[in-house]
Amino acid sequence: MICSSVTFSQTNNQQWRDSLNSLNRKIELSPYNTDLHLRKAAVNLELQQWEYAVDEYTLILRYESKNLSALYYRAYAYMHLRRYDLAKNDYETVLANVPTNKEARLGLAYMFQSSGRRKEALEQLNIVVEQHPEDPEVYVARASYEAELKLYEIALYDWEEAIKRKPANIDYALSYIDLLIISGKNNRAKTELDKLSGRGVATSLLHPFYNRLKKAKNK
């Protein structure tokens, strides 16, 4: 989902810091330029400077209280700071203005998930699937959380729905096979692996799954 962490190389960090210095100089000359502040906040996010990003987005929202981009990304920064109630407020404000915003809905679901509110997380995931029934990403998001809760049958269903909508995605197929093995459906997993092998998927990708099936069979 949208709140995954990213590790940056030292070179990339320096490039972003150079960008930040350049933006600071421009902001000194044009302190009320919202676009410059948005760009600076985006660099703060890239550098994982969550507090600075929050400050920057808060400043933008003083000028433009309904700037949805600032609200969404401030919520994203709040999530990294584990300020879940504040993230919730921002995601809900975005959704009050654009109820079908997929990213904000998934962000809200992840906020509930991170704060241990399982029922609310699933409710938001159900809503986003209803709103975007042809988008494979929403099924993946719901399947991933259902699997985490060990709701394997419905998680498998959602993986199948995602694969129907994006059949060429090998990562989806492998995640589906992974869950089949976890849930003890080894024969189905073997069938799916053989299908991928027949499609020419690299043996190096399939071999670990075949090994898992072999070990399960020998237990």
N, C-alpha and C. Protein backbone atom coordinates (compact mmCIF):
# COMPACT_ATOMS: atom_id res chain seq x y z
N MET A 1 0.83 -1.19 0.00
CA MET A 1 0.00 0.00 0.00
C MET A 1 0.88 1.25 0.00
N ILE A 2 0.24 2.52 0.08
CA ILE A 2 0.94 3.76 -0.18
C ILE A 2 1.93 4.17 0.87
N CYS A 3 1.94 3.51 2.05
CA CYS A 3 2.81 3.98 3.11
C CYS A 3 4.04 3.11 3.29
N SER A 4 4.46 2.42 2.27
CA SER A 4 5.66 1.60 2.38
C SER A 4 6.89 2.50 2.48
N SER A 5 7.91 2.04 3.23
CA SER A 5 9.12 2.84 3.41
C SER A 5 10.08 2.58 2.26
N VAL A 6 10.93 3.56 1.99
CA VAL A 6 11.91 3.47 0.90
C VAL A 6 13.28 3.81 1.46
N THR A 7 14.29 3.06 1.08
CA THR A 7 15.66 3.35 1.50
C THR A 7 16.39 4.04 0.36
N PHE A 8 16.99 5.16 0.64
CA PHE A 8 17.65 5.96 -0.39
C PHE A 8 19.16 5.82 -0.28
N SER A 9 19.83 5.84 -1.40
CA SER A 9 21.29 5.78 -1.41
C SER A 9 21.84 7.13 -0.99
N GLN A 10 23.11 7.14 -0.61
CA GLN A 10 23.76 8.39 -0.20
C GLN A 10 23.78 9.39 -1.34
N THR A 11 24.00 8.89 -2.57
CA THR A 11 24.01 9.78 -3.74
C THR A 11 22.67 10.44 -3.93
N ASN A 12 21.60 9.64 -3.86
CA ASN A 12 20.26 10.20 -4.02
C ASN A 12 19.95 11.20 -2.93
N ASN A 13 20.37 10.89 -1.71
CA ASN A 13 20.16 11.82 -0.60
C ASN A 13 20.79 13.17 -0.89
N GLN A 14 22.01 13.16 -1.40
CA GLN A 14 22.70 14.42 -1.69
C GLN A 14 21.98 15.19 -2.78
N GLN A 15 21.50 14.48 -3.79
CA GLN A 15 20.75 15.14 -4.86
C GLN A 15 19.49 15.81 -4.32
N TRP A 16 18.79 15.10 -3.44
CA TRP A 16 17.58 15.68 -2.86
C TRP A 16 17.92 16.87 -1.97
N ARG A 17 19.02 16.78 -1.23
CA ARG A 17 19.41 17.90 -0.37
C ARG A 17 19.79 19.12 -1.21
N ASP A 18 20.42 18.88 -2.34
CA ASP A 18 20.73 19.98 -3.25
C ASP A 18 19.44 20.63 -3.76
N SER A 19 18.46 19.79 -4.08
CA SER A 19 17.16 20.31 -4.53
C SER A 19 16.50 21.12 -3.43
N LEU A 20 16.62 20.63 -2.20
CA LEU A 20 16.03 21.32 -1.07
C LEU A 20 16.66 22.70 -0.88
N ASN A 21 17.97 22.77 -0.98
CA ASN A 21 18.66 24.06 -0.84
C ASN A 21 18.22 25.03 -1.93
N SER A 22 18.09 24.52 -3.14
CA SER A 22 17.65 25.35 -4.26
C SER A 22 16.24 25.88 -4.03
N LEU A 23 15.36 25.00 -3.56
CA LEU A 23 13.97 25.41 -3.30
C LEU A 23 13.90 26.43 -2.17
N ASN A 24 14.71 26.25 -1.15
CA ASN A 24 14.72 27.22 -0.04
C ASN A 24 15.10 28.61 -0.52
N ARG A 25 16.07 28.68 -1.43
CA ARG A 25 16.48 29.98 -1.98
C ARG A 25 15.33 30.61 -2.78
N LYS A 26 14.63 29.80 -3.54
CA LYS A 26 13.52 30.31 -4.34
C LYS A 26 12.37 30.77 -3.45
N ILE A 27 12.14 30.03 -2.37
CA ILE A 27 11.05 30.39 -1.45
C ILE A 27 11.35 31.70 -0.73
N GLU A 28 12.62 31.96 -0.46
CA GLU A 28 12.99 33.24 0.15
C GLU A 28 12.57 34.41 -0.73
N LEU A 29 12.63 34.21 -2.03
CA LEU A 29 12.25 35.26 -2.98
C LEU A 29 10.75 35.29 -3.24
N SER A 30 10.10 34.14 -3.02
CA SER A 30 8.66 34.05 -3.31
C SER A 30 7.98 33.21 -2.22
N PRO A 31 7.86 33.78 -1.01
CA PRO A 31 7.43 32.99 0.15
C PRO A 31 5.99 32.48 0.10
N TYR A 32 5.16 33.05 -0.75
CA TYR A 32 3.76 32.62 -0.80
C TYR A 32 3.45 31.78 -2.04
N ASN A 33 4.47 31.29 -2.68
CA ASN A 33 4.30 30.46 -3.87
C ASN A 33 3.98 29.02 -3.45
N THR A 34 2.72 28.65 -3.59
CA THR A 34 2.28 27.33 -3.13
C THR A 34 2.99 26.20 -3.85
N ASP A 35 3.22 26.38 -5.14
CA ASP A 35 3.88 25.32 -5.91
C ASP A 35 5.28 25.04 -5.37
N LEU A 36 6.00 26.09 -5.02
CA LEU A 36 7.34 25.90 -4.46
C LEU A 36 7.29 25.15 -3.13
N HIS A 37 6.30 25.51 -2.30
CA HIS A 37 6.16 24.82 -1.01
C HIS A 37 5.78 23.35 -1.21
N LEU A 38 4.93 23.08 -2.19
CA LEU A 38 4.57 21.69 -2.49
C LEU A 38 5.80 20.89 -2.93
N ARG A 39 6.61 21.52 -3.76
CA ARG A 39 7.82 20.84 -4.23
C ARG A 39 8.80 20.61 -3.08
N LYS A 40 8.90 21.60 -2.19
CA LYS A 40 9.79 21.44 -1.04
C LYS A 40 9.30 20.31 -0.13
N ALA A 41 8.00 20.27 0.11
CA ALA A 41 7.44 19.22 0.96
C ALA A 41 7.66 17.84 0.34
N ALA A 42 7.55 17.77 -0.98
CA ALA A 42 7.79 16.49 -1.67
C ALA A 42 9.23 16.02 -1.47
N VAL A 43 10.16 16.97 -1.48
CA VAL A 43 11.57 16.62 -1.23
C VAL A 43 11.74 16.17 0.22
N ASN A 44 11.06 16.83 1.15
CA ASN A 44 11.10 16.39 2.54
C ASN A 44 10.65 14.94 2.66
N LEU A 45 9.61 14.58 1.92
CA LEU A 45 9.14 13.20 1.94
C LEU A 45 10.19 12.26 1.39
N GLU A 46 10.82 12.65 0.30
CA GLU A 46 11.85 11.80 -0.31
C GLU A 46 13.01 11.57 0.66
N LEU A 47 13.31 12.59 1.46
CA LEU A 47 14.39 12.49 2.46
C LEU A 47 13.90 11.88 3.77
N GLN A 48 12.62 11.51 3.80
CA GLN A 48 12.00 10.94 4.99
C GLN A 48 12.06 11.89 6.19
N GLN A 49 11.96 13.18 5.89
CA GLN A 49 11.91 14.22 6.92
C GLN A 49 10.43 14.50 7.21
N TRP A 50 9.83 13.58 7.94
CA TRP A 50 8.38 13.61 8.10
C TRP A 50 7.89 14.86 8.82
N GLU A 51 8.58 15.27 9.88
CA GLU A 51 8.15 16.47 10.63
C GLU A 51 8.22 17.71 9.75
N TYR A 52 9.31 17.84 9.00
CA TYR A 52 9.44 19.00 8.11
C TYR A 52 8.36 18.99 7.03
N ALA A 53 8.04 17.80 6.53
CA ALA A 53 6.99 17.70 5.52
C ALA A 53 5.65 18.14 6.10
N VAL A 54 5.35 17.69 7.31
CA VAL A 54 4.11 18.11 7.97
C VAL A 54 4.05 19.62 8.11
N ASP A 55 5.15 20.21 8.55
CA ASP A 55 5.19 21.67 8.72
C ASP A 55 4.93 22.38 7.39
N GLU A 56 5.53 21.85 6.33
CA GLU A 56 5.39 22.49 5.02
C GLU A 56 3.96 22.38 4.50
N TYR A 57 3.37 21.20 4.64
CA TYR A 57 1.99 21.02 4.18
C TYR A 57 1.02 21.84 5.02
N THR A 58 1.31 21.96 6.31
CA THR A 58 0.46 22.78 7.18
C THR A 58 0.51 24.24 6.75
N LEU A 59 1.69 24.71 6.37
CA LEU A 59 1.84 26.07 5.87
C LEU A 59 1.02 26.27 4.60
N ILE A 60 1.10 25.32 3.69
CA ILE A 60 0.33 25.39 2.45
C ILE A 60 -1.16 25.47 2.75
N LEU A 61 -1.61 24.67 3.71
CA LEU A 61 -3.04 24.62 4.03
C LEU A 61 -3.52 25.91 4.71
N ARG A 62 -2.61 26.68 5.26
CA ARG A 62 -3.00 27.99 5.77
C ARG A 62 -3.38 28.92 4.62
N TYR A 63 -2.68 28.75 3.50
CA TYR A 63 -2.99 29.56 2.32
C TYR A 63 -4.19 29.00 1.56
N GLU A 64 -4.22 27.68 1.45
CA GLU A 64 -5.26 27.00 0.67
C GLU A 64 -5.82 25.85 1.50
N SER A 65 -6.86 26.12 2.25
CA SER A 65 -7.36 25.15 3.23
C SER A 65 -7.90 23.88 2.60
N LYS A 66 -8.23 23.92 1.32
CA LYS A 66 -8.77 22.73 0.66
C LYS A 66 -7.82 22.19 -0.41
N ASN A 67 -6.55 22.41 -0.21
CA ASN A 67 -5.57 21.84 -1.14
C ASN A 67 -5.48 20.34 -0.86
N LEU A 68 -6.11 19.54 -1.71
CA LEU A 68 -6.24 18.11 -1.46
C LEU A 68 -4.90 17.38 -1.52
N SER A 69 -4.02 17.86 -2.37
CA SER A 69 -2.69 17.24 -2.44
C SER A 69 -1.94 17.42 -1.12
N ALA A 70 -2.01 18.62 -0.56
CA ALA A 70 -1.35 18.87 0.72
C ALA A 70 -1.96 18.03 1.83
N LEU A 71 -3.29 17.91 1.83
CA LEU A 71 -3.96 17.10 2.84
C LEU A 71 -3.55 15.63 2.74
N TYR A 72 -3.55 15.12 1.51
CA TYR A 72 -3.23 13.71 1.31
C TYR A 72 -1.79 13.40 1.75
N TYR A 73 -0.86 14.22 1.32
CA TYR A 73 0.54 13.93 1.65
C TYR A 73 0.89 14.27 3.09
N ARG A 74 0.15 15.20 3.69
CA ARG A 74 0.36 15.42 5.13
C ARG A 74 -0.10 14.18 5.90
N ALA A 75 -1.21 13.59 5.46
CA ALA A 75 -1.67 12.34 6.09
C ALA A 75 -0.61 11.25 5.95
N TYR A 76 -0.01 11.19 4.77
CA TYR A 76 1.06 10.20 4.52
C TYR A 76 2.22 10.41 5.50
N ALA A 77 2.60 11.66 5.71
CA ALA A 77 3.68 11.96 6.66
C ALA A 77 3.26 11.62 8.09
N TYR A 78 2.01 11.97 8.43
CA TYR A 78 1.51 11.63 9.77
C TYR A 78 1.56 10.12 10.01
N MET A 79 1.28 9.33 8.98
CA MET A 79 1.32 7.88 9.13
C MET A 79 2.71 7.42 9.54
N HIS A 80 3.73 7.99 8.93
CA HIS A 80 5.10 7.61 9.28
C HIS A 80 5.47 8.04 10.70
N LEU A 81 4.81 9.08 11.17
CA LEU A 81 5.04 9.55 12.54
C LEU A 81 4.12 8.85 13.55
N ARG A 82 3.27 7.96 13.04
CA ARG A 82 2.30 7.21 13.85
C ARG A 82 1.30 8.13 14.55
N ARG A 83 1.02 9.24 13.93
CA ARG A 83 -0.02 10.14 14.45
C ARG A 83 -1.31 9.80 13.72
N TYR A 84 -1.88 8.69 14.11
CA TYR A 84 -2.96 8.09 13.33
C TYR A 84 -4.23 8.93 13.30
N ASP A 85 -4.57 9.55 14.41
CA ASP A 85 -5.78 10.37 14.42
C ASP A 85 -5.67 11.56 13.47
N LEU A 86 -4.49 12.16 13.43
CA LEU A 86 -4.29 13.29 12.52
C LEU A 86 -4.30 12.84 11.07
N ALA A 87 -3.71 11.68 10.81
CA ALA A 87 -3.76 11.12 9.45
C ALA A 87 -5.21 10.84 9.06
N LYS A 88 -5.96 10.27 9.98
CA LYS A 88 -7.38 9.97 9.73
C LYS A 88 -8.14 11.23 9.35
N ASN A 89 -7.92 12.31 10.08
CA ASN A 89 -8.62 13.56 9.79
C ASN A 89 -8.33 14.05 8.38
N ASP A 90 -7.07 13.97 7.97
CA ASP A 90 -6.70 14.46 6.64
C ASP A 90 -7.26 13.57 5.54
N TYR A 91 -7.15 12.25 5.72
CA TYR A 91 -7.71 11.34 4.71
C TYR A 91 -9.22 11.55 4.58
N GLU A 92 -9.89 11.72 5.71
CA GLU A 92 -11.35 11.89 5.67
C GLU A 92 -11.74 13.22 5.04
N THR A 93 -10.92 14.24 5.22
CA THR A 93 -11.19 15.52 4.57
C THR A 93 -11.07 15.40 3.05
N VAL A 94 -10.05 14.68 2.60
CA VAL A 94 -9.91 14.44 1.16
C VAL A 94 -11.13 13.69 0.64
N LEU A 95 -11.55 12.66 1.35
CA LEU A 95 -12.68 11.84 0.90
C LEU A 95 -14.00 12.58 0.98
N ALA A 96 -14.10 13.54 1.89
CA ALA A 96 -15.32 14.36 1.94
C ALA A 96 -15.46 15.19 0.68
N ASN A 97 -14.34 15.55 0.08
CA ASN A 97 -14.35 16.33 -1.16
C ASN A 97 -14.38 15.44 -2.40
N VAL A 98 -13.69 14.31 -2.33
CA VAL A 98 -13.65 13.37 -3.48
C VAL A 98 -13.85 11.96 -2.93
N PRO A 99 -15.10 11.53 -2.74
CA PRO A 99 -15.37 10.24 -2.10
C PRO A 99 -14.76 9.03 -2.81
N THR A 100 -14.51 9.15 -4.11
CA THR A 100 -13.98 8.01 -4.86
C THR A 100 -12.45 8.04 -5.01
N ASN A 101 -11.78 8.89 -4.26
CA ASN A 101 -10.32 8.96 -4.36
C ASN A 101 -9.71 7.66 -3.83
N LYS A 102 -9.16 6.88 -4.73
CA LYS A 102 -8.64 5.56 -4.37
C LYS A 102 -7.50 5.64 -3.37
N GLU A 103 -6.55 6.52 -3.62
CA GLU A 103 -5.36 6.60 -2.77
C GLU A 103 -5.72 7.00 -1.35
N ALA A 104 -6.62 7.97 -1.21
CA ALA A 104 -7.02 8.40 0.14
C ALA A 104 -7.79 7.29 0.85
N ARG A 105 -8.64 6.57 0.11
CA ARG A 105 -9.41 5.48 0.72
C ARG A 105 -8.46 4.37 1.18
N LEU A 106 -7.49 4.03 0.35
CA LEU A 106 -6.51 3.01 0.75
C LEU A 106 -5.65 3.50 1.91
N GLY A 107 -5.32 4.79 1.90
CA GLY A 107 -4.57 5.36 3.01
C GLY A 107 -5.33 5.28 4.31
N LEU A 108 -6.64 5.56 4.25
CA LEU A 108 -7.48 5.48 5.45
C LEU A 108 -7.56 4.03 5.93
N ALA A 109 -7.69 3.10 5.00
CA ALA A 109 -7.72 1.68 5.37
C ALA A 109 -6.42 1.28 6.06
N TYR A 110 -5.31 1.74 5.51
CA TYR A 110 -4.01 1.40 6.09
C TYR A 110 -3.84 2.03 7.47
N MET A 111 -4.40 3.24 7.64
CA MET A 111 -4.35 3.89 8.94
C MET A 111 -5.07 3.03 9.98
N PHE A 112 -6.28 2.55 9.62
CA PHE A 112 -7.03 1.69 10.55
C PHE A 112 -6.26 0.40 10.82
N GLN A 113 -5.69 -0.15 9.76
CA GLN A 113 -4.90 -1.38 9.91
C GLN A 113 -3.73 -1.16 10.86
N SER A 114 -3.01 -0.07 10.68
CA SER A 114 -1.82 0.20 11.49
C SER A 114 -2.16 0.46 12.95
N SER A 115 -3.36 1.00 13.19
CA SER A 115 -3.76 1.30 14.56
C SER A 115 -4.59 0.18 15.19
N GLY A 116 -4.62 -0.98 14.51
CA GLY A 116 -5.27 -2.16 15.08
C GLY A 116 -6.78 -2.18 14.99
N ARG A 117 -7.35 -1.35 14.13
CA ARG A 117 -8.82 -1.28 14.00
C ARG A 117 -9.23 -2.08 12.77
N ARG A 118 -9.29 -3.39 12.96
CA ARG A 118 -9.46 -4.32 11.84
C ARG A 118 -10.80 -4.14 11.12
N LYS A 119 -11.86 -4.02 11.89
CA LYS A 119 -13.18 -3.90 11.28
C LYS A 119 -13.26 -2.68 10.38
N GLU A 120 -12.78 -1.53 10.88
CA GLU A 120 -12.82 -0.30 10.07
C GLU A 120 -11.92 -0.42 8.84
N ALA A 121 -10.78 -1.10 8.99
CA ALA A 121 -9.88 -1.29 7.85
C ALA A 121 -10.57 -2.08 6.75
N LEU A 122 -11.22 -3.17 7.12
CA LEU A 122 -11.92 -3.99 6.13
C LEU A 122 -13.09 -3.24 5.51
N GLU A 123 -13.77 -2.42 6.30
CA GLU A 123 -14.88 -1.63 5.76
C GLU A 123 -14.38 -0.69 4.66
N GLN A 124 -13.26 -0.04 4.90
CA GLN A 124 -12.71 0.88 3.89
C GLN A 124 -12.23 0.13 2.65
N LEU A 125 -11.65 -1.05 2.85
CA LEU A 125 -11.22 -1.85 1.71
C LEU A 125 -12.41 -2.34 0.89
N ASN A 126 -13.50 -2.68 1.58
CA ASN A 126 -14.71 -3.08 0.86
C ASN A 126 -15.27 -1.92 0.04
N ILE A 127 -15.24 -0.73 0.62
CA ILE A 127 -15.74 0.45 -0.10
C ILE A 127 -14.92 0.72 -1.35
N VAL A 128 -13.59 0.65 -1.22
CA VAL A 128 -12.75 0.98 -2.38
C VAL A 128 -12.90 -0.06 -3.48
N VAL A 129 -13.16 -1.32 -3.11
CA VAL A 129 -13.42 -2.34 -4.13
C VAL A 129 -14.75 -2.06 -4.83
N GLU A 130 -15.76 -1.65 -4.06
CA GLU A 130 -17.05 -1.31 -4.66
C GLU A 130 -16.93 -0.11 -5.59
N GLN A 131 -16.10 0.84 -5.22
CA GLN A 131 -15.95 2.05 -6.03
C GLN A 131 -15.10 1.83 -7.28
N HIS A 132 -14.16 0.89 -7.20
CA HIS A 132 -13.23 0.66 -8.32
C HIS A 132 -13.18 -0.84 -8.65
N PRO A 133 -14.30 -1.40 -9.07
CA PRO A 133 -14.37 -2.86 -9.24
C PRO A 133 -13.49 -3.43 -10.34
N GLU A 134 -13.01 -2.59 -11.24
CA GLU A 134 -12.16 -3.10 -12.33
C GLU A 134 -10.68 -2.81 -12.09
N ASP A 135 -10.34 -2.30 -10.94
CA ASP A 135 -8.95 -1.96 -10.62
C ASP A 135 -8.31 -3.11 -9.84
N PRO A 136 -7.33 -3.80 -10.41
CA PRO A 136 -6.74 -4.94 -9.70
C PRO A 136 -6.06 -4.56 -8.39
N GLU A 137 -5.56 -3.32 -8.30
CA GLU A 137 -4.82 -2.92 -7.11
C GLU A 137 -5.68 -2.95 -5.85
N VAL A 138 -6.96 -2.67 -5.98
CA VAL A 138 -7.81 -2.65 -4.78
C VAL A 138 -8.05 -4.07 -4.28
N TYR A 139 -8.13 -5.03 -5.19
CA TYR A 139 -8.26 -6.43 -4.77
C TYR A 139 -6.98 -6.91 -4.11
N VAL A 140 -5.84 -6.48 -4.62
CA VAL A 140 -4.56 -6.84 -4.02
C VAL A 140 -4.47 -6.29 -2.60
N ALA A 141 -4.88 -5.04 -2.42
CA ALA A 141 -4.83 -4.43 -1.10
C ALA A 141 -5.70 -5.20 -0.11
N ARG A 142 -6.91 -5.54 -0.56
CA ARG A 142 -7.81 -6.26 0.35
C ARG A 142 -7.30 -7.68 0.61
N ALA A 143 -6.82 -8.35 -0.44
CA ALA A 143 -6.30 -9.71 -0.28
C ALA A 143 -5.13 -9.75 0.69
N SER A 144 -4.25 -8.77 0.60
CA SER A 144 -3.07 -8.74 1.46
C SER A 144 -3.47 -8.62 2.93
N TYR A 145 -4.46 -7.78 3.20
CA TYR A 145 -4.89 -7.62 4.58
C TYR A 145 -5.67 -8.84 5.06
N GLU A 146 -6.50 -9.39 4.20
CA GLU A 146 -7.24 -10.60 4.58
C GLU A 146 -6.29 -11.75 4.89
N ALA A 147 -5.23 -11.86 4.11
CA ALA A 147 -4.23 -12.91 4.38
C ALA A 147 -3.54 -12.68 5.71
N GLU A 148 -3.27 -11.41 6.01
CA GLU A 148 -2.65 -11.07 7.29
C GLU A 148 -3.54 -11.50 8.45
N LEU A 149 -4.86 -11.41 8.24
CA LEU A 149 -5.82 -11.81 9.27
C LEU A 149 -6.13 -13.30 9.22
N LYS A 150 -5.46 -14.02 8.32
CA LYS A 150 -5.65 -15.46 8.11
C LYS A 150 -7.05 -15.79 7.60
N LEU A 151 -7.62 -14.86 6.86
CA LEU A 151 -8.90 -15.09 6.19
C LEU A 151 -8.58 -15.60 4.79
N TYR A 152 -8.06 -16.80 4.74
CA TYR A 152 -7.42 -17.28 3.52
C TYR A 152 -8.38 -17.45 2.35
N GLU A 153 -9.57 -17.96 2.60
CA GLU A 153 -10.49 -18.24 1.49
C GLU A 153 -10.87 -16.96 0.75
N ILE A 154 -11.24 -15.94 1.50
CA ILE A 154 -11.63 -14.70 0.81
C ILE A 154 -10.42 -13.97 0.25
N ALA A 155 -9.27 -14.15 0.88
CA ALA A 155 -8.04 -13.56 0.32
C ALA A 155 -7.71 -14.21 -1.03
N LEU A 156 -7.88 -15.52 -1.12
CA LEU A 156 -7.63 -16.22 -2.38
C LEU A 156 -8.60 -15.73 -3.46
N TYR A 157 -9.84 -15.52 -3.06
CA TYR A 157 -10.83 -14.99 -4.02
C TYR A 157 -10.38 -13.64 -4.56
N ASP A 158 -9.90 -12.77 -3.68
CA ASP A 158 -9.48 -11.44 -4.13
C ASP A 158 -8.24 -11.51 -5.02
N TRP A 159 -7.33 -12.42 -4.71
CA TRP A 159 -6.19 -12.60 -5.61
C TRP A 159 -6.65 -13.06 -6.99
N GLU A 160 -7.63 -13.95 -7.00
CA GLU A 160 -8.16 -14.43 -8.29
C GLU A 160 -8.79 -13.28 -9.07
N GLU A 161 -9.50 -12.40 -8.37
CA GLU A 161 -10.12 -11.26 -9.04
C GLU A 161 -9.06 -10.30 -9.58
N ALA A 162 -8.00 -10.10 -8.83
CA ALA A 162 -6.90 -9.24 -9.31
C ALA A 162 -6.26 -9.84 -10.55
N ILE A 163 -6.04 -11.15 -10.52
CA ILE A 163 -5.40 -11.82 -11.65
C ILE A 163 -6.28 -11.78 -12.89
N LYS A 164 -7.59 -11.90 -12.70
CA LYS A 164 -8.52 -11.79 -13.84
C LYS A 164 -8.35 -10.46 -14.55
N ARG A 165 -8.12 -9.42 -13.77
CA ARG A 165 -8.04 -8.08 -14.33
C ARG A 165 -6.64 -7.73 -14.85
N LYS A 166 -5.65 -8.49 -14.41
CA LYS A 166 -4.28 -8.24 -14.88
C LYS A 166 -3.55 -9.58 -15.00
N PRO A 167 -3.96 -10.40 -15.94
CA PRO A 167 -3.45 -11.77 -16.02
C PRO A 167 -1.96 -11.88 -16.33
N ALA A 168 -1.37 -10.86 -16.90
CA ALA A 168 0.05 -10.91 -17.25
C ALA A 168 0.97 -10.60 -16.07
N ASN A 169 0.39 -10.20 -14.94
CA ASN A 169 1.22 -9.80 -13.80
C ASN A 169 1.73 -11.04 -13.06
N ILE A 170 3.00 -11.32 -13.19
CA ILE A 170 3.59 -12.52 -12.57
C ILE A 170 3.64 -12.39 -11.05
N ASP A 171 3.85 -11.19 -10.55
CA ASP A 171 3.88 -10.99 -9.10
C ASP A 171 2.54 -11.38 -8.47
N TYR A 172 1.45 -11.03 -9.13
CA TYR A 172 0.13 -11.42 -8.63
C TYR A 172 0.02 -12.94 -8.57
N ALA A 173 0.43 -13.59 -9.66
CA ALA A 173 0.33 -15.05 -9.73
C ALA A 173 1.17 -15.72 -8.65
N LEU A 174 2.36 -15.21 -8.41
CA LEU A 174 3.23 -15.79 -7.39
C LEU A 174 2.69 -15.55 -5.99
N SER A 175 2.10 -14.38 -5.77
CA SER A 175 1.49 -14.10 -4.46
C SER A 175 0.31 -15.03 -4.21
N TYR A 176 -0.45 -15.29 -5.26
CA TYR A 176 -1.58 -16.22 -5.18
C TYR A 176 -1.08 -17.62 -4.83
N ILE A 177 -0.03 -18.07 -5.50
CA ILE A 177 0.54 -19.39 -5.23
C ILE A 177 1.09 -19.45 -3.80
N ASP A 178 1.74 -18.40 -3.37
CA ASP A 178 2.26 -18.33 -2.01
C ASP A 178 1.15 -18.56 -1.00
N LEU A 179 0.01 -17.91 -1.22
CA LEU A 179 -1.10 -18.05 -0.28
C LEU A 179 -1.74 -19.44 -0.38
N LEU A 180 -1.78 -20.01 -1.57
CA LEU A 180 -2.27 -21.38 -1.71
C LEU A 180 -1.43 -22.34 -0.87
N ILE A 181 -0.12 -22.16 -0.89
CA ILE A 181 0.76 -23.03 -0.10
C ILE A 181 0.55 -22.78 1.39
N ILE A 182 0.50 -21.51 1.78
CA ILE A 182 0.29 -21.17 3.19
C ILE A 182 -0.99 -21.78 3.73
N SER A 183 -2.03 -21.78 2.90
CA SER A 183 -3.34 -22.29 3.33
C SER A 183 -3.49 -23.79 3.10
N GLY A 184 -2.41 -24.45 2.70
CA GLY A 184 -2.43 -25.91 2.58
C GLY A 184 -3.04 -26.45 1.31
N LYS A 185 -3.25 -25.61 0.33
CA LYS A 185 -3.86 -26.05 -0.94
C LYS A 185 -2.74 -26.36 -1.94
N ASN A 186 -2.00 -27.40 -1.63
CA ASN A 186 -0.77 -27.69 -2.37
C ASN A 186 -1.03 -28.17 -3.79
N ASN A 187 -2.09 -28.94 -3.99
CA ASN A 187 -2.39 -29.41 -5.34
C ASN A 187 -2.71 -28.25 -6.28
N ARG A 188 -3.51 -27.32 -5.77
CA ARG A 188 -3.83 -26.13 -6.57
C ARG A 188 -2.58 -25.30 -6.84
N ALA A 189 -1.74 -25.19 -5.82
CA ALA A 189 -0.50 -24.43 -5.99
C ALA A 189 0.37 -25.06 -7.08
N LYS A 190 0.46 -26.40 -7.07
CA LYS A 190 1.25 -27.11 -8.09
C LYS A 190 0.68 -26.86 -9.48
N THR A 191 -0.64 -26.88 -9.59
CA THR A 191 -1.28 -26.63 -10.89
C THR A 191 -0.95 -25.23 -11.40
N GLU A 192 -1.02 -24.24 -10.50
CA GLU A 192 -0.73 -22.86 -10.90
C GLU A 192 0.74 -22.68 -11.27
N LEU A 193 1.62 -23.35 -10.54
CA LEU A 193 3.05 -23.28 -10.87
C LEU A 193 3.32 -23.87 -12.24
N ASP A 194 2.69 -25.00 -12.51
CA ASP A 194 2.88 -25.64 -13.82
C ASP A 194 2.37 -24.74 -14.95
N LYS A 195 1.30 -24.02 -14.69
CA LYS A 195 0.78 -23.08 -15.70
C LYS A 195 1.82 -21.99 -15.99
N LEU A 196 2.41 -21.46 -14.93
CA LEU A 196 3.43 -20.42 -15.11
C LEU A 196 4.65 -20.97 -15.85
N SER A 197 5.02 -22.19 -15.50
CA SER A 197 6.15 -22.82 -16.19
C SER A 197 5.85 -22.96 -17.68
N GLY A 198 4.61 -23.35 -17.99
CA GLY A 198 4.21 -23.48 -19.38
C GLY A 198 4.19 -22.16 -20.13
N ARG A 199 4.04 -21.07 -19.38
CA ARG A 199 4.06 -19.73 -20.00
C ARG A 199 5.48 -19.21 -20.17
N GLY A 200 6.44 -19.96 -19.71
CA GLY A 200 7.83 -19.54 -19.89
C GLY A 200 8.38 -18.67 -18.78
N VAL A 201 7.70 -18.66 -17.63
CA VAL A 201 8.21 -17.88 -16.50
C VAL A 201 9.53 -18.48 -16.03
N ALA A 202 10.47 -17.63 -15.67
CA ALA A 202 11.82 -18.07 -15.30
C ALA A 202 11.80 -19.12 -14.19
N THR A 203 12.57 -20.17 -14.38
CA THR A 203 12.67 -21.25 -13.39
C THR A 203 13.13 -20.71 -12.04
N SER A 204 14.01 -19.72 -12.06
CA SER A 204 14.53 -19.15 -10.81
C SER A 204 13.43 -18.56 -9.94
N LEU A 205 12.35 -18.09 -10.57
CA LEU A 205 11.22 -17.56 -9.82
C LEU A 205 10.34 -18.67 -9.26
N LEU A 206 10.23 -19.75 -10.00
CA LEU A 206 9.32 -20.83 -9.63
C LEU A 206 9.95 -21.84 -8.68
N HIS A 207 11.25 -22.01 -8.78
CA HIS A 207 11.95 -23.06 -8.03
C HIS A 207 11.70 -23.01 -6.52
N PRO A 208 11.75 -21.83 -5.88
CA PRO A 208 11.49 -21.79 -4.44
C PRO A 208 10.11 -22.32 -4.06
N PHE A 209 9.12 -22.08 -4.90
CA PHE A 209 7.77 -22.56 -4.61
C PHE A 209 7.68 -24.07 -4.78
N TYR A 210 8.31 -24.59 -5.82
CA TYR A 210 8.35 -26.04 -5.99
C TYR A 210 9.04 -26.70 -4.80
N ASN A 211 10.10 -26.07 -4.30
CA ASN A 211 10.81 -26.61 -3.13
C ASN A 211 9.91 -26.64 -1.90
N ARG A 212 9.13 -25.59 -1.73
CA ARG A 212 8.20 -25.55 -0.58
C ARG A 212 7.18 -26.67 -0.67
N LEU A 213 6.68 -26.90 -1.88
CA LEU A 213 5.71 -27.99 -2.06
C LEU A 213 6.36 -29.34 -1.78
N LYS A 214 7.60 -29.50 -2.21
CA LYS A 214 8.31 -30.76 -1.99
C LYS A 214 8.51 -31.01 -0.50
N LYS A 215 8.89 -29.96 0.23
CA LYS A 215 9.08 -30.10 1.68
C LYS A 215 7.77 -30.41 2.38
N ALA A 216 6.68 -29.76 1.93
CA ALA A 216 5.37 -30.02 2.54
C ALA A 216 4.94 -31.46 2.31
N LYS A 217 5.26 -31.99 1.15
CA LYS A 217 4.88 -33.36 0.80
C LYS A 217 5.66 -34.37 1.64
N ASN A 218 6.89 -34.02 2.00
CA ASN A 218 7.75 -34.95 2.74
C ASN A 218 7.54 -34.91 4.25
N LYS A 219 6.70 -34.01 4.69
CA LYS A 219 6.47 -33.90 6.14
C LYS A 219 5.67 -35.11 6.65
